[in-house]
Amino acid sequence: MSFIDRVDPEIVHALEFNPAERYIAIAEDPPKAREMTNAQKQAMFAALPPTDVTIEETSIAGPDCDIPIVIYRPPNPGPRGGLLWLHGGGYIVGTARDDGHGIGFAEHVGCTVVSVDYRLAPESTYKGSIADSFAALNWMVDNADDLEIDTGRVAIAGGSAGGGLAAGLALYNRDMGGPSLAFQLLIYPMIDDTNQTPSSYEITHPTIWHRAVSLKAWRMYLGDEHGADEVSPYAAAARAKDLRGLPPALVTVGELDLFRDENINYAQRLMAAGVKSDLQVYAGMFHGAEMSVPEAAVSKRMRLGYRDAMKRAIG
């Protein structure tokens, strides 16, 4: 059966409208890719329904530079759960203004969401991304009263590269003795720089995230560590040797996602390490489809699955 035949029929049309040029640009011309991605995101934001969630764009002091953030606050009174959100984009594109997820979690979970504009490759490596994310997490906890956050209900989450960064942050936060985390949500996380799994070779369609662009993105994100035997687990969480002591997790991924096998393997390793973990795999779903085709039944199931998990953890 061909790849197209395996895609859920409600979302297959999206493959025709997601330009292959954007993925080529991510690998070859990041500034152009950012322009294309931002234009695509603006169109998606414009299609969102009205909301009572307030959105504040500001910045905080980071270890090396100011860090732009976006705060999404629901109308329900605090104290409430707090979610640090890390956007996707292959570690190359994307911004903290991520309304689909920010509003979605704030509304469904009733939590305050802090979305981080962490430094991107190739201008920075994973060291800048981790430093910015850890600084934002500590800022969120230190300013819990102003944000109306219950520090006993703090979670981290991200999608794609953001999911990979969330996995790396969970490890870094554990090792640095950072704030207590109630949950980590890893939505089709980008965590294995080797790209040697069967699904990495299997998923090759040019208008979704595929192996060739993934390898180039990893090269930029890792910098001098690319190709090394000892790549930091804070960059590529699949490299971590010890997963004990991490917060409870949900790993969720589509059946037709490049990252399927590395995500399944990571969830199994979390379970083996004694970390309370769930794994969800959605048939017929390709990378990012639940946001690019939001009205499809399978997209709704996937979003509800991970939003409900977050609500159980910090709602």
Protein backbone atom coordinates (compact mmCIF):
# COMPACT_ATOMS: atom_id res chain seq x y z
CA MET A 1 0.00 0.00 0.00
CA SER A 2 1.35 3.45 -0.92
CA PHE A 3 1.94 6.22 1.58
CA ILE A 4 -1.00 8.23 0.17
CA ASP A 5 -3.33 5.25 0.54
CA ARG A 6 -2.38 4.94 4.21
CA VAL A 7 -3.18 8.58 5.07
CA ASP A 8 -6.53 9.21 6.75
CA PRO A 9 -8.92 10.28 3.94
CA GLU A 10 -10.01 13.41 5.85
CA ILE A 11 -6.49 14.83 5.90
CA VAL A 12 -4.90 13.55 2.69
CA HIS A 13 -5.81 16.71 0.75
CA ALA A 14 -3.46 18.75 2.99
CA LEU A 15 -0.47 17.10 1.35
CA GLU A 16 -1.21 19.11 -1.80
CA PHE A 17 -1.26 22.49 -0.06
CA ASN A 18 1.79 22.24 2.20
CA PRO A 19 4.59 23.51 -0.06
CA ALA A 20 7.70 21.37 -0.42
CA GLU A 21 9.59 24.64 -0.93
CA ARG A 22 9.22 25.45 2.77
CA TYR A 23 11.08 22.30 3.77
CA ILE A 24 13.78 22.96 1.19
CA ALA A 25 14.14 26.48 2.61
CA ILE A 26 14.39 25.19 6.20
CA ALA A 27 17.43 23.21 5.16
CA GLU A 28 18.94 25.73 2.73
CA ASP A 29 17.64 29.25 3.55
CA PRO A 30 16.34 29.60 7.14
CA PRO A 31 15.36 33.32 6.86
CA LYS A 32 13.17 32.53 3.85
CA ALA A 33 11.72 29.53 5.66
CA ARG A 34 10.80 31.75 8.60
CA GLU A 35 8.97 34.17 6.34
CA MET A 36 7.01 31.31 4.77
CA THR A 37 6.26 29.71 8.13
CA ASN A 38 5.09 32.96 9.71
CA ALA A 39 2.77 33.66 6.77
CA GLN A 40 1.31 30.18 7.07
CA LYS A 41 0.82 30.59 10.84
CA GLN A 42 -0.92 33.95 10.41
CA ALA A 43 -3.43 32.32 8.08
CA MET A 44 -4.05 29.58 10.65
CA PHE A 45 -4.47 32.14 13.46
CA ALA A 46 -7.00 34.10 11.40
CA ALA A 47 -9.16 30.97 11.16
CA LEU A 48 -9.33 30.47 14.93
CA PRO A 49 -12.67 31.25 16.64
CA PRO A 50 -13.02 34.16 19.10
CA THR A 51 -11.63 33.53 22.58
CA ASP A 52 -11.78 34.91 26.12
CA VAL A 53 -8.10 34.04 26.61
CA THR A 54 -5.94 37.15 27.02
CA ILE A 55 -2.67 37.22 25.10
CA GLU A 56 0.32 39.26 26.31
CA GLU A 57 3.59 39.58 24.42
CA THR A 58 6.55 40.58 26.59
CA SER A 59 10.15 39.60 27.32
CA ILE A 60 12.18 38.40 30.28
CA ALA A 61 15.86 38.51 31.15
CA GLY A 62 17.75 35.43 30.02
CA PRO A 63 21.26 34.19 30.74
CA ASP A 64 22.74 35.80 27.61
CA CYS A 65 19.95 37.95 26.14
CA ASP A 66 16.33 38.96 26.61
CA ILE A 67 13.86 36.17 25.83
CA PRO A 68 10.55 37.08 24.16
CA ILE A 69 7.58 35.20 25.59
CA VAL A 70 3.83 35.12 25.05
CA ILE A 71 1.50 34.61 28.02
CA TYR A 72 -1.95 33.10 27.48
CA ARG A 73 -4.32 33.54 30.43
CA PRO A 74 -7.79 31.97 30.66
CA PRO A 75 -10.64 33.88 32.33
CA ASN A 76 -11.04 31.41 35.22
CA PRO A 77 -9.63 32.66 38.52
CA GLY A 78 -6.30 31.46 39.85
CA PRO A 79 -4.33 29.90 41.23
CA ARG A 80 -4.27 27.58 38.24
CA GLY A 81 -1.90 25.18 36.55
CA GLY A 82 1.06 26.57 34.62
CA LEU A 83 2.30 25.27 31.28
CA LEU A 84 5.61 26.16 29.65
CA TRP A 85 5.05 25.73 25.90
CA LEU A 86 7.90 25.23 23.40
CA HIS A 87 6.95 25.74 19.74
CA GLY A 88 7.89 23.48 16.86
CA GLY A 89 9.78 24.22 13.66
CA GLY A 90 12.70 21.84 13.34
CA TYR A 91 14.75 24.02 15.73
CA ILE A 92 15.04 26.42 12.76
CA VAL A 93 11.70 28.28 12.43
CA GLY A 94 8.71 29.24 14.58
CA THR A 95 7.94 31.85 17.23
CA ALA A 96 6.44 32.03 20.70
CA ARG A 97 3.21 33.38 19.19
CA ASP A 98 1.60 29.97 18.81
CA ASP A 99 -2.10 30.71 19.25
CA GLY A 100 -3.44 27.33 18.16
CA HIS A 101 -1.70 25.63 21.06
CA GLY A 102 -1.55 28.54 23.50
CA ILE A 103 -5.26 29.31 23.33
CA GLY A 104 -6.17 25.64 23.03
CA PHE A 105 -4.44 24.63 26.27
CA ALA A 106 -5.53 27.75 28.16
CA GLU A 107 -9.17 27.14 27.24
CA HIS A 108 -9.32 23.36 27.64
CA VAL A 109 -7.08 22.95 30.68
CA GLY A 110 -7.79 26.30 32.34
CA CYS A 111 -4.07 26.91 32.81
CA THR A 112 -1.74 29.84 32.24
CA VAL A 113 0.49 29.15 29.24
CA VAL A 114 3.93 30.74 28.84
CA SER A 115 5.24 30.24 25.31
CA VAL A 116 8.97 30.77 24.79
CA ASP A 117 10.78 32.38 21.83
CA TYR A 118 13.93 30.33 22.41
CA ARG A 119 16.99 30.92 20.23
CA LEU A 120 16.99 29.06 16.92
CA ALA A 121 19.58 27.37 14.73
CA PRO A 122 21.75 28.01 12.83
CA GLU A 123 22.35 31.33 14.63
CA SER A 124 22.45 29.39 17.92
CA THR A 125 22.82 25.74 18.88
CA TYR A 126 20.84 23.64 21.35
CA LYS A 127 22.80 25.23 24.20
CA GLY A 128 21.02 28.54 23.64
CA SER A 129 17.62 26.84 23.27
CA ILE A 130 18.01 24.88 26.50
CA ALA A 131 19.33 27.92 28.40
CA ASP A 132 16.40 30.07 27.26
CA SER A 133 13.82 27.40 28.07
CA PHE A 134 15.29 26.72 31.53
CA ALA A 135 15.39 30.44 32.27
CA ALA A 136 11.75 30.81 31.22
CA LEU A 137 10.71 27.86 33.38
CA ASN A 138 12.41 29.36 36.42
CA TRP A 139 10.93 32.79 35.66
CA MET A 140 7.45 31.27 35.45
CA VAL A 141 7.82 29.61 38.84
CA ASP A 142 9.46 32.68 40.43
CA ASN A 143 6.58 34.85 39.20
CA ALA A 144 3.84 32.37 40.03
CA ASP A 145 1.85 34.86 42.12
CA ASP A 146 1.64 37.43 39.32
CA LEU A 147 0.79 34.70 36.81
CA GLU A 148 -1.76 33.16 39.20
CA ILE A 149 0.01 29.81 38.93
CA ASP A 150 0.00 27.00 41.50
CA THR A 151 3.66 25.92 41.59
CA GLY A 152 2.55 22.39 42.48
CA ARG A 153 0.92 22.13 39.05
CA VAL A 154 3.60 23.11 36.54
CA ALA A 155 4.14 21.22 33.28
CA ILE A 156 6.27 21.51 30.16
CA ALA A 157 5.17 20.65 26.64
CA GLY A 158 6.01 21.09 23.01
CA GLY A 159 5.36 19.80 19.53
CA SER A 160 7.92 18.43 17.06
CA ALA A 161 11.18 20.30 17.75
CA GLY A 162 9.41 21.85 20.73
CA GLY A 163 8.60 18.37 21.96
CA GLY A 164 12.25 17.43 21.59
CA LEU A 165 13.26 20.55 23.47
CA ALA A 166 10.73 19.73 26.21
CA ALA A 167 12.23 16.25 26.54
CA GLY A 168 15.72 17.75 26.74
CA LEU A 169 14.52 20.36 29.25
CA ALA A 170 13.02 17.66 31.47
CA LEU A 171 16.43 15.98 31.60
CA TYR A 172 18.29 19.27 32.13
CA ASN A 173 15.85 20.42 34.81
CA ARG A 174 16.28 17.11 36.67
CA ASP A 175 20.07 17.30 36.50
CA MET A 176 20.22 20.99 37.52
CA GLY A 177 17.79 20.57 40.42
CA GLY A 178 15.24 22.88 38.84
CA PRO A 179 11.55 23.38 39.69
CA SER A 180 9.32 20.41 40.40
CA LEU A 181 7.39 19.35 37.29
CA ALA A 182 4.01 17.63 37.36
CA PHE A 183 4.03 16.49 33.72
CA GLN A 184 5.82 16.50 30.39
CA LEU A 185 3.82 16.37 27.17
CA LEU A 186 5.85 15.32 24.13
CA ILE A 187 3.87 15.78 20.91
CA TYR A 188 5.66 13.91 18.08
CA PRO A 189 8.99 15.03 19.57
CA MET A 190 12.18 15.39 17.50
CA ILE A 191 14.62 13.55 19.76
CA ASP A 192 16.94 11.30 17.71
CA ASP A 193 19.66 12.98 15.64
CA THR A 194 20.75 9.71 14.04
CA ASN A 195 17.53 9.21 12.04
CA GLN A 196 18.24 5.48 11.73
CA THR A 197 14.80 4.08 12.62
CA PRO A 198 12.58 2.30 10.07
CA SER A 199 10.06 5.17 10.07
CA SER A 200 12.85 7.64 9.34
CA TYR A 201 13.48 5.82 6.05
CA GLU A 202 9.82 4.98 5.44
CA ILE A 203 8.32 8.51 5.52
CA THR A 204 9.70 10.36 2.49
CA HIS A 205 6.82 12.46 1.15
CA PRO A 206 8.23 15.90 0.17
CA THR A 207 5.44 18.03 1.65
CA ILE A 208 5.80 16.74 5.22
CA TRP A 209 8.81 16.61 7.53
CA HIS A 210 11.16 13.98 6.08
CA ARG A 211 14.59 12.51 6.66
CA ALA A 212 16.68 14.71 4.36
CA VAL A 213 15.51 17.99 5.90
CA SER A 214 15.62 16.49 9.39
CA LEU A 215 19.30 15.55 9.04
CA LYS A 216 20.17 19.07 7.88
CA ALA A 217 18.20 20.64 10.73
CA TRP A 218 20.03 18.45 13.25
CA ARG A 219 23.36 19.48 11.76
CA MET A 220 22.55 23.14 12.38
CA TYR A 221 21.09 22.56 15.84
CA LEU A 222 23.99 20.45 17.12
CA GLY A 223 26.76 22.64 15.73
CA ASP A 224 30.18 21.19 16.54
CA GLU A 225 28.61 18.13 18.17
CA HIS A 226 27.05 16.95 14.91
CA GLY A 227 28.38 13.51 14.03
CA ALA A 228 30.03 13.07 17.42
CA ASP A 229 29.69 9.83 19.34
CA GLU A 230 28.66 11.69 22.49
CA VAL A 231 25.87 14.10 21.54
CA SER A 232 24.30 15.80 24.55
CA PRO A 233 21.00 14.28 25.71
CA TYR A 234 19.82 17.85 26.31
CA ALA A 235 19.94 18.24 22.52
CA ALA A 236 18.74 14.77 21.51
CA ALA A 237 16.86 13.12 24.37
CA ALA A 238 17.07 9.70 22.72
CA ARG A 239 20.78 9.84 23.60
CA ALA A 240 20.04 9.91 27.35
CA LYS A 241 21.34 6.87 29.20
CA ASP A 242 19.31 7.41 32.40
CA LEU A 243 15.63 8.37 32.28
CA ARG A 244 14.92 7.81 35.95
CA GLY A 245 13.45 10.62 38.03
CA LEU A 246 11.70 12.40 35.16
CA PRO A 247 8.14 13.77 35.46
CA PRO A 248 5.17 11.70 34.24
CA ALA A 249 4.86 11.81 30.47
CA LEU A 250 2.61 11.44 27.49
CA VAL A 251 4.25 10.74 24.14
CA THR A 252 1.87 11.11 21.21
CA VAL A 253 2.61 10.63 17.51
CA GLY A 254 1.02 9.73 14.19
CA GLU A 255 1.46 6.36 12.50
CA LEU A 256 2.86 8.08 9.39
CA ASP A 257 5.26 10.40 11.19
CA LEU A 258 9.00 10.33 10.57
CA PHE A 259 9.47 10.35 14.37
CA ARG A 260 7.09 7.42 15.05
CA ASP A 261 9.69 4.80 15.94
CA GLU A 262 11.99 7.04 17.98
CA ASN A 263 8.93 8.27 19.92
CA ILE A 264 7.64 4.76 20.62
CA ASN A 265 11.11 3.69 21.73
CA TYR A 266 11.46 6.69 24.05
CA ALA A 267 8.06 6.04 25.65
CA GLN A 268 9.03 2.41 26.24
CA ARG A 269 12.32 3.49 27.82
CA LEU A 270 10.50 5.95 30.10
CA MET A 271 8.23 3.13 31.27
CA ALA A 272 11.20 0.82 31.82
CA ALA A 273 12.84 3.55 33.90
CA GLY A 274 9.83 3.70 36.20
CA VAL A 275 8.44 6.96 34.82
CA LYS A 276 4.63 6.97 34.73
CA SER A 277 4.02 7.26 30.99
CA ASP A 278 1.35 7.00 28.32
CA LEU A 279 1.87 6.44 24.60
CA GLN A 280 -0.67 7.34 21.92
CA VAL A 281 -0.22 6.47 18.23
CA TYR A 282 -2.83 7.70 15.74
CA ALA A 283 -3.48 5.70 12.58
CA GLY A 284 -3.36 7.59 9.30
CA MET A 285 -1.80 10.72 10.80
CA PHE A 286 1.27 12.43 9.37
CA HIS A 287 3.47 14.98 11.13
CA GLY A 288 1.56 18.02 12.41
CA ALA A 289 -1.73 17.08 10.73
CA GLU A 290 -3.88 17.68 13.82
CA MET A 291 -3.13 21.39 13.54
CA SER A 292 -2.98 21.76 9.75
CA VAL A 293 -6.31 19.92 9.25
CA PRO A 294 -8.00 20.75 12.59
CA GLU A 295 -11.57 19.72 11.67
CA ALA A 296 -10.75 16.13 10.72
CA ALA A 297 -12.10 13.57 13.18
CA VAL A 298 -8.66 12.03 13.77
CA SER A 299 -7.20 15.51 14.39
CA LYS A 300 -9.86 16.24 17.00
CA ARG A 301 -9.18 12.90 18.70
CA MET A 302 -5.47 13.58 18.84
CA ARG A 303 -5.81 17.12 20.23
CA LEU A 304 -8.41 15.99 22.75
CA GLY A 305 -6.14 13.13 23.78
CA TYR A 306 -3.19 15.31 24.70
CA ARG A 307 -5.23 18.22 26.06
CA ASP A 308 -7.19 15.89 28.33
CA ALA A 309 -3.91 14.39 29.55
CA MET A 310 -2.67 17.88 30.41
CA LYS A 311 -5.97 18.65 32.16
CA ARG A 312 -5.65 15.53 34.30
CA ALA A 313 -2.09 16.48 35.20
CA ILE A 314 -2.45 20.19 36.06
CA GLY A 315 -6.09 21.18 35.57
